[in-house]
């Protein structure tokens, strides 16, 4: 779902590919950290 939202921003001319890729990577890393914090 996150990938689809990111792609729509690219096609809409709101963001560039590099920003989308870095934002997705950062978002997934944050999600993993949050899960690890609450999983312990």
PDB file of N, CA and C in Angstrom:
ATOM      1  N   UNK A   1       0.817  -1.191   0.000  1.00  0.00           N
ATOM      2  CA  UNK A   1       0.000   0.000   0.000  1.00  0.00           C
ATOM      3  C   UNK A   1       0.863   1.258   0.000  1.00  0.00           C
ATOM      4  N   UNK A   2       1.942   1.236   0.753  1.00  0.00           N
ATOM      5  CA  UNK A   2       2.835   2.397   0.794  1.00  0.00           C
ATOM      6  C   UNK A   2       3.461   2.647  -0.567  1.00  0.00           C
ATOM      7  N   UNK A   3       3.791   1.564  -1.268  1.00  0.00           N
ATOM      8  CA  UNK A   3       4.393   1.706  -2.587  1.00  0.00           C
ATOM      9  C   UNK A   3       3.429   2.365  -3.566  1.00  0.00           C
ATOM     10  N   UNK A   4       2.160   1.994  -3.488  1.00  0.00           N
ATOM     11  CA  UNK A   4       1.157   2.578  -4.383  1.00  0.00           C
ATOM     12  C   UNK A   4       0.981   4.068  -4.112  1.00  0.00           C
ATOM     13  N   UNK A   5       0.959   4.439  -2.855  1.00  0.00           N
ATOM     14  CA  UNK A   5       0.833   5.859  -2.511  1.00  0.00           C
ATOM     15  C   UNK A   5       2.051   6.640  -2.996  1.00  0.00           C
ATOM     16  N   UNK A   6       3.225   6.045  -2.860  1.00  0.00           N
ATOM     17  CA  UNK A   6       4.449   6.702  -3.304  1.00  0.00           C
ATOM     18  C   UNK A   6       4.448   6.879  -4.818  1.00  0.00           C
ATOM     19  N   UNK A   7       4.032   5.852  -5.538  1.00  0.00           N
ATOM     20  CA  UNK A   7       3.995   5.929  -7.000  1.00  0.00           C
ATOM     21  C   UNK A   7       3.022   7.014  -7.466  1.00  0.00           C
ATOM     22  N   UNK A   8       1.906   7.154  -6.779  1.00  0.00           N
ATOM     23  CA  UNK A   8       0.935   8.166  -7.186  1.00  0.00           C
ATOM     24  C   UNK A   8       1.517   9.567  -7.039  1.00  0.00           C
ATOM     25  N   UNK A   9       2.379   9.759  -6.051  1.00  0.00           N
ATOM     26  CA  UNK A   9       3.023  11.061  -5.880  1.00  0.00           C
ATOM     27  C   UNK A   9       4.015  11.336  -7.004  1.00  0.00           C
ATOM     28  N   UNK A  10       4.667  10.281  -7.485  1.00  0.00           N
ATOM     29  CA  UNK A  10       5.581  10.425  -8.617  1.00  0.00           C
ATOM     30  C   UNK A  10       4.802  10.823  -9.864  1.00  0.00           C
ATOM     31  N   UNK A  11       3.744  10.079 -10.156  1.00  0.00           N
ATOM     32  CA  UNK A  11       2.961  10.354 -11.362  1.00  0.00           C
ATOM     33  C   UNK A  11       2.246  11.693 -11.286  1.00  0.00           C
ATOM     34  N   UNK A  12       1.938  12.120 -10.072  1.00  0.00           N
ATOM     35  CA  UNK A  12       1.287  13.418  -9.894  1.00  0.00           C
ATOM     36  C   UNK A  12       2.253  14.583  -9.962  1.00  0.00           C
ATOM     37  N   UNK A  13       3.558  14.275 -10.051  1.00  0.00           N
ATOM     38  CA  UNK A  13       4.559  15.337 -10.145  1.00  0.00           C
ATOM     39  C   UNK A  13       4.880  15.997  -8.822  1.00  0.00           C
ATOM     40  N   UNK A  14       4.521  15.352  -7.729  1.00  0.00           N
ATOM     41  CA  UNK A  14       4.738  15.946  -6.407  1.00  0.00           C
ATOM     42  C   UNK A  14       6.151  15.644  -5.897  1.00  0.00           C
ATOM     43  N   UNK A  15       6.659  14.432  -6.153  1.00  0.00           N
ATOM     44  CA  UNK A  15       7.972  14.011  -5.666  1.00  0.00           C
ATOM     45  C   UNK A  15       8.803  13.422  -6.799  1.00  0.00           C
ATOM     46  N   UNK A  16      10.113  13.381  -6.580  1.00  0.00           N
ATOM     47  CA  UNK A  16      11.035  12.736  -7.507  1.00  0.00           C
ATOM     48  C   UNK A  16      11.291  11.304  -7.049  1.00  0.00           C
ATOM     49  N   UNK A  17      11.765  10.456  -7.972  1.00  0.00           N
ATOM     50  CA  UNK A  17      12.010   9.036  -7.681  1.00  0.00           C
ATOM     51  C   UNK A  17      12.916   8.862  -6.475  1.00  0.00           C
ATOM     52  N   UNK A  18      14.014   9.616  -6.400  1.00  0.00           N
ATOM     53  CA  UNK A  18      14.962   9.447  -5.294  1.00  0.00           C
ATOM     54  C   UNK A  18      14.287   9.712  -3.949  1.00  0.00           C
ATOM     55  N   UNK A  19      13.487  10.750  -3.876  1.00  0.00           N
ATOM     56  CA  UNK A  19      12.792  11.064  -2.631  1.00  0.00           C
ATOM     57  C   UNK A  19      11.798   9.985  -2.235  1.00  0.00           C
ATOM     58  N   UNK A  20      11.147   9.419  -3.226  1.00  0.00           N
ATOM     59  CA  UNK A  20      10.193   8.341  -2.965  1.00  0.00           C
ATOM     60  C   UNK A  20      10.917   7.116  -2.419  1.00  0.00           C
ATOM     61  N   UNK A  21      11.998   6.715  -3.091  1.00  0.00           N
ATOM     62  CA  UNK A  21      12.737   5.525  -2.667  1.00  0.00           C
ATOM     63  C   UNK A  21      13.313   5.694  -1.266  1.00  0.00           C
ATOM     64  N   UNK A  22      13.898   6.849  -1.006  1.00  0.00           N
ATOM     65  CA  UNK A  22      14.474   7.082   0.321  1.00  0.00           C
ATOM     66  C   UNK A  22      13.392   7.157   1.397  1.00  0.00           C
ATOM     67  N   UNK A  23      12.271   7.763   1.060  1.00  0.00           N
ATOM     68  CA  UNK A  23      11.171   7.854   2.014  1.00  0.00           C
ATOM     69  C   UNK A  23      10.581   6.494   2.358  1.00  0.00           C
ATOM     70  N   UNK A  24      10.442   5.633   1.356  1.00  0.00           N
ATOM     71  CA  UNK A  24       9.944   4.280   1.628  1.00  0.00           C
ATOM     72  C   UNK A  24      10.914   3.510   2.510  1.00  0.00           C
ATOM     73  N   UNK A  25      12.195   3.603   2.189  1.00  0.00           N
ATOM     74  CA  UNK A  25      13.208   2.901   2.988  1.00  0.00           C
ATOM     75  C   UNK A  25      13.181   3.389   4.432  1.00  0.00           C
ATOM     76  N   UNK A  26      13.139   4.688   4.610  1.00  0.00           N
ATOM     77  CA  UNK A  26      13.109   5.258   5.956  1.00  0.00           C
ATOM     78  C   UNK A  26      11.838   4.841   6.700  1.00  0.00           C
ATOM     79  N   UNK A  27      10.712   4.857   6.022  1.00  0.00           N
ATOM     80  CA  UNK A  27       9.455   4.476   6.660  1.00  0.00           C
ATOM     81  C   UNK A  27       9.448   3.032   7.125  1.00  0.00           C
ATOM     82  N   UNK A  28       9.983   2.140   6.282  1.00  0.00           N
ATOM     83  CA  UNK A  28      10.034   0.726   6.679  1.00  0.00           C
ATOM     84  C   UNK A  28      10.992   0.519   7.849  1.00  0.00           C
ATOM     85  N   UNK A  29      12.101   1.253   7.883  1.00  0.00           N
ATOM     86  CA  UNK A  29      13.040   1.143   9.007  1.00  0.00           C
ATOM     87  C   UNK A  29      12.403   1.637  10.300  1.00  0.00           C
ATOM     88  N   UNK A  30      11.678   2.728  10.226  1.00  0.00           N
ATOM     89  CA  UNK A  30      10.983   3.241  11.413  1.00  0.00           C
ATOM     90  C   UNK A  30       9.956   2.223  11.899  1.00  0.00           C
ATOM     91  N   UNK A  31       9.213   1.642  10.967  1.00  0.00           N
ATOM     92  CA  UNK A  31       8.227   0.628  11.336  1.00  0.00           C
ATOM     93  C   UNK A  31       8.856  -0.561  12.032  1.00  0.00           C
ATOM     94  N   UNK A  32       9.987  -1.033  11.516  1.00  0.00           N
ATOM     95  CA  UNK A  32      10.685  -2.150  12.152  1.00  0.00           C
ATOM     96  C   UNK A  32      11.146  -1.782  13.554  1.00  0.00           C
ATOM     97  N   UNK A  33      11.658  -0.571  13.730  1.00  0.00           N
ATOM     98  CA  UNK A  33      12.108  -0.135  15.054  1.00  0.00           C
ATOM     99  C   UNK A  33      10.953  -0.069  16.043  1.00  0.00           C
ATOM    100  N   UNK A  34       9.820   0.443  15.613  1.00  0.00           N
ATOM    101  CA  UNK A  34       8.646   0.537  16.487  1.00  0.00           C
ATOM    102  C   UNK A  34       8.182  -0.865  16.885  1.00  0.00           C
ATOM    103  N   UNK A  35       8.134  -1.784  15.924  1.00  0.00           N
ATOM    104  CA  UNK A  35       7.730  -3.158  16.239  1.00  0.00           C
ATOM    105  C   UNK A  35       8.711  -3.773  17.235  1.00  0.00           C
ATOM    106  N   UNK A  36      10.001  -3.563  17.038  1.00  0.00           N
ATOM    107  CA  UNK A  36      10.997  -4.118  17.960  1.00  0.00           C
ATOM    108  C   UNK A  36      10.857  -3.531  19.361  1.00  0.00           C
ATOM    109  N   UNK A  37      10.548  -2.268  19.460  1.00  0.00           N
ATOM    110  CA  UNK A  37      10.385  -1.622  20.782  1.00  0.00           C
ATOM    111  C   UNK A  37       9.206  -2.236  21.528  1.00  0.00           C
ATOM    112  N   UNK A  38       8.079  -2.392  20.844  1.00  0.00           N
ATOM    113  CA  UNK A  38       6.878  -2.876  21.513  1.00  0.00           C
ATOM    114  C   UNK A  38       6.803  -4.392  21.596  1.00  0.00           C
ATOM    115  N   UNK A  39       7.661  -5.071  20.862  1.00  0.00           N
ATOM    116  CA  UNK A  39       7.673  -6.529  20.868  1.00  0.00           C
ATOM    117  C   UNK A  39       8.455  -7.078  22.053  1.00  0.00           C
ATOM    118  N   UNK A  40       9.294  -6.271  22.651  1.00  0.00           N
ATOM    119  CA  UNK A  40      10.125  -6.721  23.789  1.00  0.00           C
ATOM    120  C   UNK A  40       9.422  -6.623  25.097  1.00  0.00           C
TER     121      UNK A  40
END
